[in-house]
Amino acid sequence: MTITELAQEYENQYKALSTRLDAMKPLLSVYRGEDLVSLRRKIKIYYDMACECRRTASMLFGYYEEDVNNDRFY
């Protein structure tokens, strides 16, 4: 697997998590009490995971660009 393919996998996971988040958000107005607390906790976890996938994908997509930029200084 190449770095670009790995980056694409992270991007795909980001999209899947974002889709799941979009499906969960309408439930915020329906749930109450402990169910609402649990839902908010799950949304926070999925949000954090999605952000991390997006950051990792971005870093991997730019991996070779950083090498080119760093080579300039040697």
PDB file of N, CA and C in Angstrom:
ATOM      1  N   MET A   1       0.851  -1.174   0.000  1.00  0.00           N
ATOM      2  CA  MET A   1       0.000   0.000   0.000  1.00  0.00           C
ATOM      3  C   MET A   1       0.899   1.241   0.000  1.00  0.00           C
ATOM      4  N   THR A   2       0.588   2.173  -0.858  1.00  0.00           N
ATOM      5  CA  THR A   2       1.359   3.409  -0.930  1.00  0.00           C
ATOM      6  C   THR A   2       0.850   4.408   0.112  1.00  0.00           C
ATOM      7  N   ILE A   3       1.617   5.445   0.327  1.00  0.00           N
ATOM      8  CA  ILE A   3       1.208   6.490   1.274  1.00  0.00           C
ATOM      9  C   ILE A   3      -0.059   7.178   0.776  1.00  0.00           C
ATOM     10  N   THR A   4      -0.163   7.373  -0.523  1.00  0.00           N
ATOM     11  CA  THR A   4      -1.360   7.999  -1.085  1.00  0.00           C
ATOM     12  C   THR A   4      -2.590   7.114  -0.873  1.00  0.00           C
ATOM     13  N   GLU A   5      -2.427   5.811  -1.038  1.00  0.00           N
ATOM     14  CA  GLU A   5      -3.545   4.889  -0.793  1.00  0.00           C
ATOM     15  C   GLU A   5      -3.947   4.895   0.682  1.00  0.00           C
ATOM     16  N   LEU A   6      -2.960   4.949   1.554  1.00  0.00           N
ATOM     17  CA  LEU A   6      -3.247   5.016   2.991  1.00  0.00           C
ATOM     18  C   LEU A   6      -3.970   6.316   3.322  1.00  0.00           C
ATOM     19  N   ALA A   7      -3.525   7.406   2.727  1.00  0.00           N
ATOM     20  CA  ALA A   7      -4.191   8.692   2.933  1.00  0.00           C
ATOM     21  C   ALA A   7      -5.641   8.618   2.473  1.00  0.00           C
ATOM     22  N   GLN A   8      -5.879   7.945   1.359  1.00  0.00           N
ATOM     23  CA  GLN A   8      -7.242   7.807   0.848  1.00  0.00           C
ATOM     24  C   GLN A   8      -8.101   6.982   1.805  1.00  0.00           C
ATOM     25  N   GLU A   9      -7.520   5.963   2.424  1.00  0.00           N
ATOM     26  CA  GLU A   9      -8.240   5.160   3.419  1.00  0.00           C
ATOM     27  C   GLU A   9      -8.666   6.037   4.602  1.00  0.00           C
ATOM     28  N   TYR A  10      -7.756   6.875   5.069  1.00  0.00           N
ATOM     29  CA  TYR A  10      -8.106   7.787   6.163  1.00  0.00           C
ATOM     30  C   TYR A  10      -9.189   8.775   5.730  1.00  0.00           C
ATOM     31  N   GLU A  11      -9.103   9.253   4.506  1.00  0.00           N
ATOM     32  CA  GLU A  11     -10.121  10.166   3.982  1.00  0.00           C
ATOM     33  C   GLU A  11     -11.481   9.467   3.912  1.00  0.00           C
ATOM     34  N   ASN A  12     -11.483   8.208   3.481  1.00  0.00           N
ATOM     35  CA  ASN A  12     -12.730   7.430   3.420  1.00  0.00           C
ATOM     36  C   ASN A  12     -13.320   7.226   4.811  1.00  0.00           C
ATOM     37  N   GLN A  13     -12.452   6.968   5.802  1.00  0.00           N
ATOM     38  CA  GLN A  13     -12.933   6.815   7.175  1.00  0.00           C
ATOM     39  C   GLN A  13     -13.511   8.124   7.693  1.00  0.00           C
ATOM     40  N   TYR A  14     -12.868   9.232   7.342  1.00  0.00           N
ATOM     41  CA  TYR A  14     -13.395  10.545   7.720  1.00  0.00           C
ATOM     42  C   TYR A  14     -14.809  10.727   7.161  1.00  0.00           C
ATOM     43  N   LYS A  15     -14.993  10.388   5.898  1.00  0.00           N
ATOM     44  CA  LYS A  15     -16.313  10.542   5.271  1.00  0.00           C
ATOM     45  C   LYS A  15     -17.352   9.639   5.925  1.00  0.00           C
ATOM     46  N   ALA A  16     -16.962   8.416   6.245  1.00  0.00           N
ATOM     47  CA  ALA A  16     -17.886   7.480   6.900  1.00  0.00           C
ATOM     48  C   ALA A  16     -18.281   7.991   8.289  1.00  0.00           C
ATOM     49  N   LEU A  17     -17.314   8.472   9.034  1.00  0.00           N
ATOM     50  CA  LEU A  17     -17.609   9.009  10.370  1.00  0.00           C
ATOM     51  C   LEU A  17     -18.470  10.264  10.286  1.00  0.00           C
ATOM     52  N   SER A  18     -18.207  11.108   9.301  1.00  0.00           N
ATOM     53  CA  SER A  18     -19.009  12.320   9.118  1.00  0.00           C
ATOM     54  C   SER A  18     -20.454  11.981   8.782  1.00  0.00           C
ATOM     55  N   THR A  19     -20.642  10.962   7.965  1.00  0.00           N
ATOM     56  CA  THR A  19     -21.988  10.515   7.620  1.00  0.00           C
ATOM     57  C   THR A  19     -22.713   9.999   8.858  1.00  0.00           C
ATOM     58  N   ARG A  20     -21.998   9.254   9.676  1.00  0.00           N
ATOM     59  CA  ARG A  20     -22.587   8.734  10.917  1.00  0.00           C
ATOM     60  C   ARG A  20     -22.946   9.882  11.859  1.00  0.00           C
ATOM     61  N   LEU A  21     -22.071  10.876  11.946  1.00  0.00           N
ATOM     62  CA  LEU A  21     -22.359  12.057  12.783  1.00  0.00           C
ATOM     63  C   LEU A  21     -23.605  12.785  12.290  1.00  0.00           C
ATOM     64  N   ASP A  22     -23.716  12.971  10.986  1.00  0.00           N
ATOM     65  CA  ASP A  22     -24.881  13.655  10.415  1.00  0.00           C
ATOM     66  C   ASP A  22     -26.169  12.912  10.748  1.00  0.00           C
ATOM     67  N   ALA A  23     -26.102  11.586  10.828  1.00  0.00           N
ATOM     68  CA  ALA A  23     -27.278  10.798  11.163  1.00  0.00           C
ATOM     69  C   ALA A  23     -27.622  10.893  12.650  1.00  0.00           C
ATOM     70  N   MET A  24     -26.629  11.108  13.483  1.00  0.00           N
ATOM     71  CA  MET A  24     -26.850  11.165  14.933  1.00  0.00           C
ATOM     72  C   MET A  24     -27.344  12.534  15.405  1.00  0.00           C
ATOM     73  N   LYS A  25     -26.958  13.594  14.745  1.00  0.00           N
ATOM     74  CA  LYS A  25     -27.276  14.950  15.202  1.00  0.00           C
ATOM     75  C   LYS A  25     -28.770  15.217  15.374  1.00  0.00           C
ATOM     76  N   PRO A  26     -29.640  14.764  14.475  1.00  0.00           N
ATOM     77  CA  PRO A  26     -31.073  15.016  14.691  1.00  0.00           C
ATOM     78  C   PRO A  26     -31.624  14.383  15.971  1.00  0.00           C
ATOM     79  N   LEU A  27     -30.951  13.359  16.457  1.00  0.00           N
ATOM     80  CA  LEU A  27     -31.407  12.703  17.680  1.00  0.00           C
ATOM     81  C   LEU A  27     -31.199  13.565  18.922  1.00  0.00           C
ATOM     82  N   LEU A  28     -30.375  14.589  18.807  1.00  0.00           N
ATOM     83  CA  LEU A  28     -30.135  15.481  19.949  1.00  0.00           C
ATOM     84  C   LEU A  28     -31.417  16.161  20.430  1.00  0.00           C
ATOM     85  N   SER A  29     -32.345  16.389  19.526  1.00  0.00           N
ATOM     86  CA  SER A  29     -33.597  17.039  19.914  1.00  0.00           C
ATOM     87  C   SER A  29     -34.648  16.032  20.382  1.00  0.00           C
ATOM     88  N   VAL A  30     -34.342  14.744  20.285  1.00  0.00           N
ATOM     89  CA  VAL A  30     -35.299  13.697  20.653  1.00  0.00           C
ATOM     90  C   VAL A  30     -34.948  13.074  22.006  1.00  0.00           C
ATOM     91  N   TYR A  31     -33.662  12.829  22.227  1.00  0.00           N
ATOM     92  CA  TYR A  31     -33.223  12.133  23.432  1.00  0.00           C
ATOM     93  C   TYR A  31     -33.289  13.040  24.651  1.00  0.00           C
ATOM     94  N   ARG A  32     -33.457  12.442  25.813  1.00  0.00           N
ATOM     95  CA  ARG A  32     -33.514  13.157  27.088  1.00  0.00           C
ATOM     96  C   ARG A  32     -32.719  12.395  28.140  1.00  0.00           C
ATOM     97  N   GLY A  33     -32.346  13.091  29.173  1.00  0.00           N
ATOM     98  CA  GLY A  33     -31.709  12.468  30.333  1.00  0.00           C
ATOM     99  C   GLY A  33     -30.397  11.774  30.007  1.00  0.00           C
ATOM    100  N   GLU A  34     -30.237  10.582  30.579  1.00  0.00           N
ATOM    101  CA  GLU A  34     -29.010   9.810  30.394  1.00  0.00           C
ATOM    102  C   GLU A  34     -28.792   9.422  28.934  1.00  0.00           C
ATOM    103  N   ASP A  35     -29.875   9.200  28.201  1.00  0.00           N
ATOM    104  CA  ASP A  35     -29.741   8.869  26.785  1.00  0.00           C
ATOM    105  C   ASP A  35     -29.107  10.029  26.017  1.00  0.00           C
ATOM    106  N   LEU A  36     -29.491  11.242  26.362  1.00  0.00           N
ATOM    107  CA  LEU A  36     -28.920  12.426  25.721  1.00  0.00           C
ATOM    108  C   LEU A  36     -27.442  12.574  26.080  1.00  0.00           C
ATOM    109  N   VAL A  37     -27.110  12.351  27.340  1.00  0.00           N
ATOM    110  CA  VAL A  37     -25.711  12.417  27.777  1.00  0.00           C
ATOM    111  C   VAL A  37     -24.879  11.390  27.017  1.00  0.00           C
ATOM    112  N   SER A  38     -25.399  10.182  26.910  1.00  0.00           N
ATOM    113  CA  SER A  38     -24.700   9.117  26.194  1.00  0.00           C
ATOM    114  C   SER A  38     -24.534   9.463  24.712  1.00  0.00           C
ATOM    115  N   LEU A  39     -25.581  10.012  24.102  1.00  0.00           N
ATOM    116  CA  LEU A  39     -25.521  10.399  22.698  1.00  0.00           C
ATOM    117  C   LEU A  39     -24.474  11.489  22.487  1.00  0.00           C
ATOM    118  N   ARG A  40     -24.460  12.478  23.355  1.00  0.00           N
ATOM    119  CA  ARG A  40     -23.463  13.548  23.238  1.00  0.00           C
ATOM    120  C   ARG A  40     -22.047  13.008  23.377  1.00  0.00           C
ATOM    121  N   ARG A  41     -21.871  12.061  24.257  1.00  0.00           N
ATOM    122  CA  ARG A  41     -20.557  11.438  24.446  1.00  0.00           C
ATOM    123  C   ARG A  41     -20.136  10.709  23.167  1.00  0.00           C
ATOM    124  N   LYS A  42     -21.071   9.966  22.578  1.00  0.00           N
ATOM    125  CA  LYS A  42     -20.768   9.247  21.333  1.00  0.00           C
ATOM    126  C   LYS A  42     -20.457  10.216  20.195  1.00  0.00           C
ATOM    127  N   ILE A  43     -21.227  11.287  20.109  1.00  0.00           N
ATOM    128  CA  ILE A  43     -20.989  12.285  19.062  1.00  0.00           C
ATOM    129  C   ILE A  43     -19.602  12.900  19.237  1.00  0.00           C
ATOM    130  N   LYS A  44     -19.220  13.209  20.453  1.00  0.00           N
ATOM    131  CA  LYS A  44     -17.893  13.775  20.718  1.00  0.00           C
ATOM    132  C   LYS A  44     -16.795  12.803  20.298  1.00  0.00           C
ATOM    133  N   ILE A  45     -16.968  11.540  20.612  1.00  0.00           N
ATOM    134  CA  ILE A  45     -15.971  10.528  20.249  1.00  0.00           C
ATOM    135  C   ILE A  45     -15.866  10.405  18.732  1.00  0.00           C
ATOM    136  N   TYR A  46     -17.005  10.310  18.064  1.00  0.00           N
ATOM    137  CA  TYR A  46     -16.989  10.206  16.598  1.00  0.00           C
ATOM    138  C   TYR A  46     -16.392  11.470  15.977  1.00  0.00           C
ATOM    139  N   TYR A  47     -16.710  12.619  16.532  1.00  0.00           N
ATOM    140  CA  TYR A  47     -16.174  13.872  16.021  1.00  0.00           C
ATOM    141  C   TYR A  47     -14.648  13.897  16.153  1.00  0.00           C
ATOM    142  N   ASP A  48     -14.151  13.511  17.318  1.00  0.00           N
ATOM    143  CA  ASP A  48     -12.706  13.470  17.542  1.00  0.00           C
ATOM    144  C   ASP A  48     -12.028  12.492  16.582  1.00  0.00           C
ATOM    145  N   MET A  49     -12.644  11.330  16.386  1.00  0.00           N
ATOM    146  CA  MET A  49     -12.094  10.342  15.463  1.00  0.00           C
ATOM    147  C   MET A  49     -12.080  10.883  14.032  1.00  0.00           C
ATOM    148  N   ALA A  50     -13.159  11.543  13.624  1.00  0.00           N
ATOM    149  CA  ALA A  50     -13.237  12.105  12.273  1.00  0.00           C
ATOM    150  C   ALA A  50     -12.160  13.163  12.078  1.00  0.00           C
ATOM    151  N   CYS A  51     -11.979  14.026  13.066  1.00  0.00           N
ATOM    152  CA  CYS A  51     -10.950  15.068  12.973  1.00  0.00           C
ATOM    153  C   CYS A  51      -9.560  14.455  12.857  1.00  0.00           C
ATOM    154  N   GLU A  52      -9.310  13.420  13.632  1.00  0.00           N
ATOM    155  CA  GLU A  52      -8.002  12.763  13.581  1.00  0.00           C
ATOM    156  C   GLU A  52      -7.775  12.096  12.224  1.00  0.00           C
ATOM    157  N   CYS A  53      -8.798  11.479  11.681  1.00  0.00           N
ATOM    158  CA  CYS A  53      -8.683  10.873  10.345  1.00  0.00           C
ATOM    159  C   CYS A  53      -8.401  11.944   9.300  1.00  0.00           C
ATOM    160  N   ARG A  54      -9.068  13.067   9.414  1.00  0.00           N
ATOM    161  CA  ARG A  54      -8.864  14.158   8.453  1.00  0.00           C
ATOM    162  C   ARG A  54      -7.447  14.718   8.552  1.00  0.00           C
ATOM    163  N   ARG A  55      -6.966  14.909   9.781  1.00  0.00           N
ATOM    164  CA  ARG A  55      -5.595  15.410   9.971  1.00  0.00           C
ATOM    165  C   ARG A  55      -4.566  14.428   9.423  1.00  0.00           C
ATOM    166  N   THR A  56      -4.773  13.147   9.709  1.00  0.00           N
ATOM    167  CA  THR A  56      -3.833  12.127   9.244  1.00  0.00           C
ATOM    168  C   THR A  56      -3.833  12.045   7.728  1.00  0.00           C
ATOM    169  N   ALA A  57      -5.015  12.073   7.112  1.00  0.00           N
ATOM    170  CA  ALA A  57      -5.100  12.044   5.649  1.00  0.00           C
ATOM    171  C   ALA A  57      -4.376  13.236   5.051  1.00  0.00           C
ATOM    172  N   SER A  58      -4.598  14.402   5.620  1.00  0.00           N
ATOM    173  CA  SER A  58      -3.956  15.616   5.124  1.00  0.00           C
ATOM    174  C   SER A  58      -2.437  15.518   5.236  1.00  0.00           C
ATOM    175  N   MET A  59      -1.968  15.016   6.359  1.00  0.00           N
ATOM    176  CA  MET A  59      -0.542  14.855   6.566  1.00  0.00           C
ATOM    177  C   MET A  59       0.042  13.863   5.554  1.00  0.00           C
ATOM    178  N   LEU A  60      -0.652  12.758   5.337  1.00  0.00           N
ATOM    179  CA  LEU A  60      -0.159  11.751   4.407  1.00  0.00           C
ATOM    180  C   LEU A  60      -0.210  12.238   2.961  1.00  0.00           C
ATOM    181  N   PHE A  61      -1.275  12.940   2.592  1.00  0.00           N
ATOM    182  CA  PHE A  61      -1.355  13.472   1.230  1.00  0.00           C
ATOM    183  C   PHE A  61      -0.204  14.443   0.965  1.00  0.00           C
ATOM    184  N   GLY A  62       0.238  15.170   1.982  1.00  0.00           N
ATOM    185  CA  GLY A  62       1.313  16.132   1.818  1.00  0.00           C
ATOM    186  C   GLY A  62       2.686  15.588   2.170  1.00  0.00           C
ATOM    187  N   TYR A  63       2.781  14.292   2.415  1.00  0.00           N
ATOM    188  CA  TYR A  63       4.026  13.682   2.882  1.00  0.00           C
ATOM    189  C   TYR A  63       5.200  13.964   1.947  1.00  0.00           C
ATOM    190  N   TYR A  64       5.011  13.734   0.664  1.00  0.00           N
ATOM    191  CA  TYR A  64       6.111  13.919  -0.282  1.00  0.00           C
ATOM    192  C   TYR A  64       6.406  15.393  -0.522  1.00  0.00           C
ATOM    193  N   GLU A  65       5.403  16.232  -0.403  1.00  0.00           N
ATOM    194  CA  GLU A  65       5.615  17.671  -0.567  1.00  0.00           C
ATOM    195  C   GLU A  65       6.547  18.198   0.516  1.00  0.00           C
ATOM    196  N   GLU A  66       6.401  17.693   1.730  1.00  0.00           N
ATOM    197  CA  GLU A  66       7.270  18.113   2.821  1.00  0.00           C
ATOM    198  C   GLU A  66       8.710  17.718   2.535  1.00  0.00           C
ATOM    199  N   ASP A  67       8.931  16.529   1.981  1.00  0.00           N
ATOM    200  CA  ASP A  67      10.280  16.084   1.652  1.00  0.00           C
ATOM    201  C   ASP A  67      10.909  17.003   0.617  1.00  0.00           C
ATOM    202  N   VAL A  68      10.150  17.404  -0.370  1.00  0.00           N
ATOM    203  CA  VAL A  68      10.659  18.292  -1.402  1.00  0.00           C
ATOM    204  C   VAL A  68      11.028  19.635  -0.796  1.00  0.00           C
ATOM    205  N   ASN A  69      10.159  20.154   0.072  1.00  0.00           N
ATOM    206  CA  ASN A  69      10.427  21.452   0.701  1.00  0.00           C
ATOM    207  C   ASN A  69      11.628  21.380   1.644  1.00  0.00           C
ATOM    208  N   ASN A  70      11.779  20.274   2.348  1.00  0.00           N
ATOM    209  CA  ASN A  70      12.894  20.129   3.284  1.00  0.00           C
ATOM    210  C   ASN A  70      14.215  19.927   2.546  1.00  0.00           C
ATOM    211  N   ASP A  71      14.192  19.285   1.388  1.00  0.00           N
ATOM    212  CA  ASP A  71      15.398  19.055   0.608  1.00  0.00           C
ATOM    213  C   ASP A  71      16.019  20.365   0.154  1.00  0.00           C
ATOM    214  N   ARG A  72      15.245  21.368   0.025  1.00  0.00           N
ATOM    215  CA  ARG A  72      15.704  22.663  -0.422  1.00  0.00           C
ATOM    216  C   ARG A  72      16.753  23.263   0.529  1.00  0.00           C
ATOM    217  N   PHE A  73      16.679  22.899   1.782  1.00  0.00           N
ATOM    218  CA  PHE A  73      17.540  23.512   2.780  1.00  0.00           C
ATOM    219  C   PHE A  73      18.853  22.758   2.973  1.00  0.00           C
ATOM    220  N   TYR A  74      19.038  21.672   2.297  1.00  0.00           N
ATOM    221  CA  TYR A  74      20.273  20.881   2.479  1.00  0.00           C
ATOM    222  C   TYR A  74      21.264  21.139   1.398  1.00  0.00           C
TER     223      TYR A  74
END
